[in-house]
PDB file of N, CA and C in Angstrom:
ATOM      1  N   UNK A   1     137.773 100.425 128.653  1.00  0.00           N
ATOM      2  CA  UNK A   1     136.632  99.816 127.658  1.00  0.00           C
ATOM      3  C   UNK A   1     135.343  99.268 128.510  1.00  0.00           C
ATOM      4  N   UNK A   2     134.133  99.495 127.323  1.00  0.00           N
ATOM      5  CA  UNK A   2     133.106  99.190 127.854  1.00  0.00           C
ATOM      6  C   UNK A   2     132.737  97.679 127.545  1.00  0.00           C
ATOM      7  N   UNK A   3     131.599  97.160 128.142  1.00  0.00           N
ATOM      8  CA  UNK A   3     131.486  95.847 128.272  1.00  0.00           C
ATOM      9  C   UNK A   3     131.097  95.093 126.750  1.00  0.00           C
ATOM     10  N   UNK A   4     130.554  96.031 125.909  1.00  0.00           N
ATOM     11  CA  UNK A   4     130.592  95.680 124.561  1.00  0.00           C
ATOM     12  C   UNK A   4     131.864  95.891 123.356  1.00  0.00           C
ATOM     13  N   UNK A   5     132.687  96.275 123.835  1.00  0.00           N
ATOM     14  CA  UNK A   5     134.033  96.287 123.384  1.00  0.00           C
ATOM     15  C   UNK A   5     134.498  94.841 123.086  1.00  0.00           C
ATOM     16  N   UNK A   6     135.084  94.640 121.786  1.00  0.00           N
ATOM     17  CA  UNK A   6     135.427  93.352 121.589  1.00  0.00           C
ATOM     18  C   UNK A   6     136.691  93.162 122.365  1.00  0.00           C
ATOM     19  N   UNK A   7     136.684  91.976 123.083  1.00  0.00           N
ATOM     20  CA  UNK A   7     138.078  91.469 123.955  1.00  0.00           C
ATOM     21  C   UNK A   7     138.925  90.326 123.146  1.00  0.00           C
ATOM     22  N   UNK A   8     138.425  89.899 122.110  1.00  0.00           N
ATOM     23  CA  UNK A   8     139.368  88.936 121.573  1.00  0.00           C
ATOM     24  C   UNK A   8     139.293  89.021 120.020  1.00  0.00           C
ATOM     25  N   UNK A   9     140.225  88.694 119.216  1.00  0.00           N
ATOM     26  CA  UNK A   9     140.182  88.625 117.982  1.00  0.00           C
ATOM     27  C   UNK A   9     139.065  87.954 117.361  1.00  0.00           C
ATOM     28  N   UNK A  10     138.330  87.163 117.829  1.00  0.00           N
ATOM     29  CA  UNK A  10     137.167  86.420 117.387  1.00  0.00           C
ATOM     30  C   UNK A  10     135.990  87.417 117.570  1.00  0.00           C
ATOM     31  N   UNK A  11     136.069  88.377 118.965  1.00  0.00           N
ATOM     32  CA  UNK A  11     135.068  89.085 119.084  1.00  0.00           C
ATOM     33  C   UNK A  11     135.464  90.445 118.078  1.00  0.00           C
ATOM     34  N   UNK A  12     136.369  90.756 117.901  1.00  0.00           N
ATOM     35  CA  UNK A  12     136.457  91.801 116.795  1.00  0.00           C
ATOM     36  C   UNK A  12     135.977  91.635 115.806  1.00  0.00           C
ATOM     37  N   UNK A  13     136.425  90.137 115.091  1.00  0.00           N
ATOM     38  CA  UNK A  13     136.120  89.739 113.803  1.00  0.00           C
ATOM     39  C   UNK A  13     134.338  89.649 113.876  1.00  0.00           C
ATOM     40  N   UNK A  14     133.834  89.288 114.725  1.00  0.00           N
ATOM     41  CA  UNK A  14     132.356  88.967 114.779  1.00  0.00           C
ATOM     42  C   UNK A  14     131.462  90.649 114.851  1.00  0.00           C
ATOM     43  N   UNK A  15     132.410  91.654 115.765  1.00  0.00           N
ATOM     44  CA  UNK A  15     131.917  93.106 115.551  1.00  0.00           C
ATOM     45  C   UNK A  15     131.980  93.547 114.238  1.00  0.00           C
ATOM     46  N   UNK A  16     133.082  93.102 113.891  1.00  0.00           N
ATOM     47  CA  UNK A  16     133.352  93.659 112.187  1.00  0.00           C
ATOM     48  C   UNK A  16     132.212  93.308 111.043  1.00  0.00           C
ATOM     49  N   UNK A  17     132.088  92.074 111.273  1.00  0.00           N
ATOM     50  CA  UNK A  17     131.129  91.350 110.209  1.00  0.00           C
ATOM     51  C   UNK A  17     129.817  91.975 110.526  1.00  0.00           C
ATOM     52  N   UNK A  18     129.263  92.032 111.561  1.00  0.00           N
ATOM     53  CA  UNK A  18     128.318  92.523 111.859  1.00  0.00           C
ATOM     54  C   UNK A  18     127.943  93.959 111.521  1.00  0.00           C
ATOM     55  N   UNK A  19     128.757  94.874 111.738  1.00  0.00           N
ATOM     56  CA  UNK A  19     128.908  96.366 111.394  1.00  0.00           C
ATOM     57  C   UNK A  19     128.730  96.204 109.769  1.00  0.00           C
ATOM     58  N   UNK A  20     129.581  95.465 108.966  1.00  0.00           N
ATOM     59  CA  UNK A  20     129.282  95.325 107.666  1.00  0.00           C
ATOM     60  C   UNK A  20     128.251  95.109 107.224  1.00  0.00           C
ATOM     61  N   UNK A  21     127.567  93.851 107.864  1.00  0.00           N
ATOM     62  CA  UNK A  21     125.995  93.654 107.595  1.00  0.00           C
ATOM     63  C   UNK A  21     124.888  94.597 107.703  1.00  0.00           C
ATOM     64  N   UNK A  22     125.205  95.071 108.755  1.00  0.00           N
ATOM     65  CA  UNK A  22     124.238  96.253 109.275  1.00  0.00           C
ATOM     66  C   UNK A  22     124.427  97.316 107.688  1.00  0.00           C
ATOM     67  N   UNK A  23     125.571  97.844 107.998  1.00  0.00           N
ATOM     68  CA  UNK A  23     125.613  99.050 106.712  1.00  0.00           C
ATOM     69  C   UNK A  23     125.163  98.377 105.416  1.00  0.00           C
ATOM     70  N   UNK A  24     125.169  97.067 104.923  1.00  0.00           N
ATOM     71  CA  UNK A  24     124.724  96.599 103.706  1.00  0.00           C
ATOM     72  C   UNK A  24     123.434  96.713 103.794  1.00  0.00           C
ATOM     73  N   UNK A  25     122.843  96.234 105.055  1.00  0.00           N
ATOM     74  CA  UNK A  25     121.337  96.340 104.752  1.00  0.00           C
ATOM     75  C   UNK A  25     120.581  97.667 104.794  1.00  0.00           C
ATOM     76  N   UNK A  26     121.482  98.574 105.457  1.00  0.00           N
ATOM     77  CA  UNK A  26     121.123 100.220 105.330  1.00  0.00           C
ATOM     78  C   UNK A  26     121.053 100.652 104.194  1.00  0.00           C
ATOM     79  N   UNK A  27     122.208 100.150 103.330  1.00  0.00           N
ATOM     80  CA  UNK A  27     122.423 100.887 101.873  1.00  0.00           C
ATOM     81  C   UNK A  27     121.330  99.941 101.041  1.00  0.00           C
ATOM     82  N   UNK A  28     121.164  98.933 101.141  1.00  0.00           N
ATOM     83  CA  UNK A  28     119.905  98.217 100.537  1.00  0.00           C
ATOM     84  C   UNK A  28     119.002  98.871 100.570  1.00  0.00           C
ATOM     85  N   UNK A  29     118.447  99.441 101.735  1.00  0.00           N
ATOM     86  CA  UNK A  29     116.907 100.108 101.878  1.00  0.00           C
ATOM     87  C   UNK A  29     117.094 101.023 101.234  1.00  0.00           C
ATOM     88  N   UNK A  30     118.142 101.789 101.397  1.00  0.00           N
ATOM     89  CA  UNK A  30     118.460 103.107 100.780  1.00  0.00           C
ATOM     90  C   UNK A  30     118.473 103.059  99.321  1.00  0.00           C
ATOM     91  N   UNK A  31     118.887 102.346  98.829  1.00  0.00           N
ATOM     92  CA  UNK A  31     118.915 101.816  97.258  1.00  0.00           C
ATOM     93  C   UNK A  31     117.366 101.496  96.448  1.00  0.00           C
ATOM     94  N   UNK A  32     116.767 100.662  97.531  1.00  0.00           N
ATOM     95  CA  UNK A  32     115.319 100.540  97.299  1.00  0.00           C
ATOM     96  C   UNK A  32     114.579 101.673  96.972  1.00  0.00           C
ATOM     97  N   UNK A  33     114.729 102.479  98.281  1.00  0.00           N
ATOM     98  CA  UNK A  33     113.964 103.628  98.586  1.00  0.00           C
ATOM     99  C   UNK A  33     114.108 104.671  97.407  1.00  0.00           C
ATOM    100  N   UNK A  34     115.269 104.591  96.928  1.00  0.00           N
ATOM    101  CA  UNK A  34     115.789 105.559  95.989  1.00  0.00           C
ATOM    102  C   UNK A  34     115.330 105.495  94.523  1.00  0.00           C
ATOM    103  N   UNK A  35     115.347 103.557  93.997  1.00  0.00           N
ATOM    104  CA  UNK A  35     114.743 103.456  92.884  1.00  0.00           C
ATOM    105  C   UNK A  35     113.232 103.552  92.992  1.00  0.00           C
ATOM    106  N   UNK A  36     112.807 103.370  94.148  1.00  0.00           N
ATOM    107  CA  UNK A  36     111.172 103.775  94.246  1.00  0.00           C
ATOM    108  C   UNK A  36     110.863 104.926  93.769  1.00  0.00           C
ATOM    109  N   UNK A  37     111.402 105.759  94.506  1.00  0.00           N
ATOM    110  CA  UNK A  37     111.299 107.283  94.234  1.00  0.00           C
ATOM    111  C   UNK A  37     111.553 107.738  92.646  1.00  0.00           C
ATOM    112  N   UNK A  38     112.628 107.087  92.052  1.00  0.00           N
ATOM    113  CA  UNK A  38     112.631 107.477  90.737  1.00  0.00           C
ATOM    114  C   UNK A  38     111.822 106.773  89.660  1.00  0.00           C
ATOM    115  N   UNK A  39     111.301 105.383  90.283  1.00  0.00           N
ATOM    116  CA  UNK A  39     109.903 104.882  89.138  1.00  0.00           C
ATOM    117  C   UNK A  39     109.066 106.112  89.470  1.00  0.00           C
ATOM    118  N   UNK A  40     108.584 106.554  90.715  1.00  0.00           N
ATOM    119  CA  UNK A  40     107.415 107.251  90.879  1.00  0.00           C
ATOM    120  C   UNK A  40     107.631 108.659  90.324  1.00  0.00           C
ATOM    121  N   UNK A  41     109.001 109.082  90.190  1.00  0.00           N
ATOM    122  CA  UNK A  41     109.126 110.105  89.548  1.00  0.00           C
ATOM    123  C   UNK A  41     108.880 109.969  88.110  1.00  0.00           C
ATOM    124  N   UNK A  42     109.335 108.856  87.600  1.00  0.00           N
ATOM    125  CA  UNK A  42     108.913 108.550  85.867  1.00  0.00           C
ATOM    126  C   UNK A  42     107.785 108.719  85.653  1.00  0.00           C
ATOM    127  N   UNK A  43     107.025 107.848  86.307  1.00  0.00           N
ATOM    128  CA  UNK A  43     105.477 107.913  86.328  1.00  0.00           C
ATOM    129  C   UNK A  43     104.451 108.975  86.317  1.00  0.00           C
ATOM    130  N   UNK A  44     105.176 110.074  87.362  1.00  0.00           N
ATOM    131  CA  UNK A  44     104.553 111.312  87.274  1.00  0.00           C
ATOM    132  C   UNK A  44     105.001 112.353  86.111  1.00  0.00           C
ATOM    133  N   UNK A  45     106.153 111.818  85.644  1.00  0.00           N
ATOM    134  CA  UNK A  45     106.426 112.809  84.509  1.00  0.00           C
ATOM    135  C   UNK A  45     105.833 112.332  83.228  1.00  0.00           C
ATOM    136  N   UNK A  46     105.566 111.125  83.302  1.00  0.00           N
ATOM    137  CA  UNK A  46     104.666 110.363  82.079  1.00  0.00           C
ATOM    138  C   UNK A  46     103.633 110.897  82.003  1.00  0.00           C
ATOM    139  N   UNK A  47     102.652 111.097  83.327  1.00  0.00           N
ATOM    140  CA  UNK A  47     101.414 111.686  83.436  1.00  0.00           C
ATOM    141  C   UNK A  47     101.301 113.165  83.134  1.00  0.00           C
ATOM    142  N   UNK A  48     102.522 113.990  83.404  1.00  0.00           N
ATOM    143  CA  UNK A  48     102.416 115.208  83.062  1.00  0.00           C
ATOM    144  C   UNK A  48     102.867 115.396  81.748  1.00  0.00           C
ATOM    145  N   UNK A  49     103.668 114.571  80.886  1.00  0.00           N
ATOM    146  CA  UNK A  49     103.646 115.014  79.671  1.00  0.00           C
ATOM    147  C   UNK A  49     102.237 114.485  78.698  1.00  0.00           C
ATOM    148  N   UNK A  50     101.411 113.514  79.293  1.00  0.00           N
ATOM    149  CA  UNK A  50     100.404 113.172  78.746  1.00  0.00           C
ATOM    150  C   UNK A  50      99.003 114.368  79.030  1.00  0.00           C
ATOM    151  N   UNK A  51      99.362 114.836  80.148  1.00  0.00           N
ATOM    152  CA  UNK A  51      98.285 115.900  80.583  1.00  0.00           C
ATOM    153  C   UNK A  51      98.625 117.143  79.577  1.00  0.00           C
ATOM    154  N   UNK A  52      99.783 117.521  79.386  1.00  0.00           N
ATOM    155  CA  UNK A  52     100.167 118.491  78.670  1.00  0.00           C
ATOM    156  C   UNK A  52      99.595 118.337  77.088  1.00  0.00           C
ATOM    157  N   UNK A  53      99.959 116.833  76.490  1.00  0.00           N
ATOM    158  CA  UNK A  53      99.952 116.847  75.049  1.00  0.00           C
ATOM    159  C   UNK A  53      98.039 116.935  75.193  1.00  0.00           C
ATOM    160  N   UNK A  54      97.226 116.430  76.125  1.00  0.00           N
ATOM    161  CA  UNK A  54      95.749 116.499  76.385  1.00  0.00           C
ATOM    162  C   UNK A  54      95.373 117.985  76.014  1.00  0.00           C
ATOM    163  N   UNK A  55      96.313 118.603  76.809  1.00  0.00           N
ATOM    164  CA  UNK A  55      95.560 120.192  76.891  1.00  0.00           C
ATOM    165  C   UNK A  55      96.157 121.078  75.324  1.00  0.00           C
ATOM    166  N   UNK A  56      96.815 120.471  75.001  1.00  0.00           N
ATOM    167  CA  UNK A  56      97.467 121.009  73.483  1.00  0.00           C
ATOM    168  C   UNK A  56      96.572 120.812  72.739  1.00  0.00           C
ATOM    169  N   UNK A  57      96.010 119.524  72.469  1.00  0.00           N
ATOM    170  CA  UNK A  57      94.699 119.196  71.566  1.00  0.00           C
ATOM    171  C   UNK A  57      93.864 119.767  71.989  1.00  0.00           C
ATOM    172  N   UNK A  58      93.453 120.110  73.288  1.00  0.00           N
ATOM    173  CA  UNK A  58      92.243 120.947  73.589  1.00  0.00           C
ATOM    174  C   UNK A  58      92.180 122.686  72.990  1.00  0.00           C
ATOM    175  N   UNK A  59      93.568 122.876  72.858  1.00  0.00           N
ATOM    176  CA  UNK A  59      93.632 124.168  72.513  1.00  0.00           C
ATOM    177  C   UNK A  59      93.722 124.205  70.972  1.00  0.00           C
ATOM    178  N   UNK A  60      93.734 122.904  70.289  1.00  0.00           N
ATOM    179  CA  UNK A  60      94.100 123.119  68.919  1.00  0.00           C
ATOM    180  C   UNK A  60      95.237 123.138  68.781  1.00  0.00           C
ATOM    181  N   UNK A  61      96.436 123.210  69.316  1.00  0.00           N
ATOM    182  CA  UNK A  61      97.634 123.494  69.138  1.00  0.00           C
ATOM    183  C   UNK A  61      98.349 121.948  68.545  1.00  0.00           C
ATOM    184  N   UNK A  62      99.155 121.862  67.222  1.00  0.00           N
ATOM    185  CA  UNK A  62      99.547 120.697  66.819  1.00  0.00           C
ATOM    186  C   UNK A  62     100.906 120.001  67.497  1.00  0.00           C
ATOM    187  N   UNK A  63     100.637 118.948  67.918  1.00  0.00           N
ATOM    188  CA  UNK A  63     101.582 118.448  68.584  1.00  0.00           C
ATOM    189  C   UNK A  63     102.852 117.869  67.669  1.00  0.00           C
ATOM    190  N   UNK A  64     103.914 118.608  67.761  1.00  0.00           N
ATOM    191  CA  UNK A  64     105.273 118.041  66.914  1.00  0.00           C
ATOM    192  C   UNK A  64     105.968 117.257  67.424  1.00  0.00           C
ATOM    193  N   UNK A  65     106.764 116.445  66.540  1.00  0.00           N
ATOM    194  CA  UNK A  65     107.848 114.980  67.195  1.00  0.00           C
ATOM    195  C   UNK A  65     109.292 116.085  67.427  1.00  0.00           C
ATOM    196  N   UNK A  66     109.428 117.472  67.294  1.00  0.00           N
ATOM    197  CA  UNK A  66     110.511 117.949  67.554  1.00  0.00           C
ATOM    198  C   UNK A  66     110.841 117.928  68.965  1.00  0.00           C
ATOM    199  N   UNK A  67     110.165 117.714  69.887  1.00  0.00           N
ATOM    200  CA  UNK A  67     110.483 117.648  71.109  1.00  0.00           C
ATOM    201  C   UNK A  67     111.521 116.860  71.755  1.00  0.00           C
ATOM    202  N   UNK A  68     112.331 117.102  72.514  1.00  0.00           N
ATOM    203  CA  UNK A  68     113.696 116.284  72.890  1.00  0.00           C
ATOM    204  C   UNK A  68     113.016 115.702  74.179  1.00  0.00           C
ATOM    205  N   UNK A  69     113.300 114.233  74.385  1.00  0.00           N
ATOM    206  CA  UNK A  69     112.957 113.612  75.308  1.00  0.00           C
ATOM    207  C   UNK A  69     114.032 113.233  75.981  1.00  0.00           C
TER     208      UNK A  69
END
């Protein structure tokens, strides 16, 4: 056993609690990053739709509402 290995049941409990907290913090960070990336992607898609609509208007193509969103 190394010096950092738990030696008592309380040490093991503290180690497990610390490990679970660390995992929870990492999961929350990844979840927040994923949410932000999805929001950014949604914004980019909205911008792209607007740009396509503007180009269609400039080209004289009528916009139809038959497009599936």
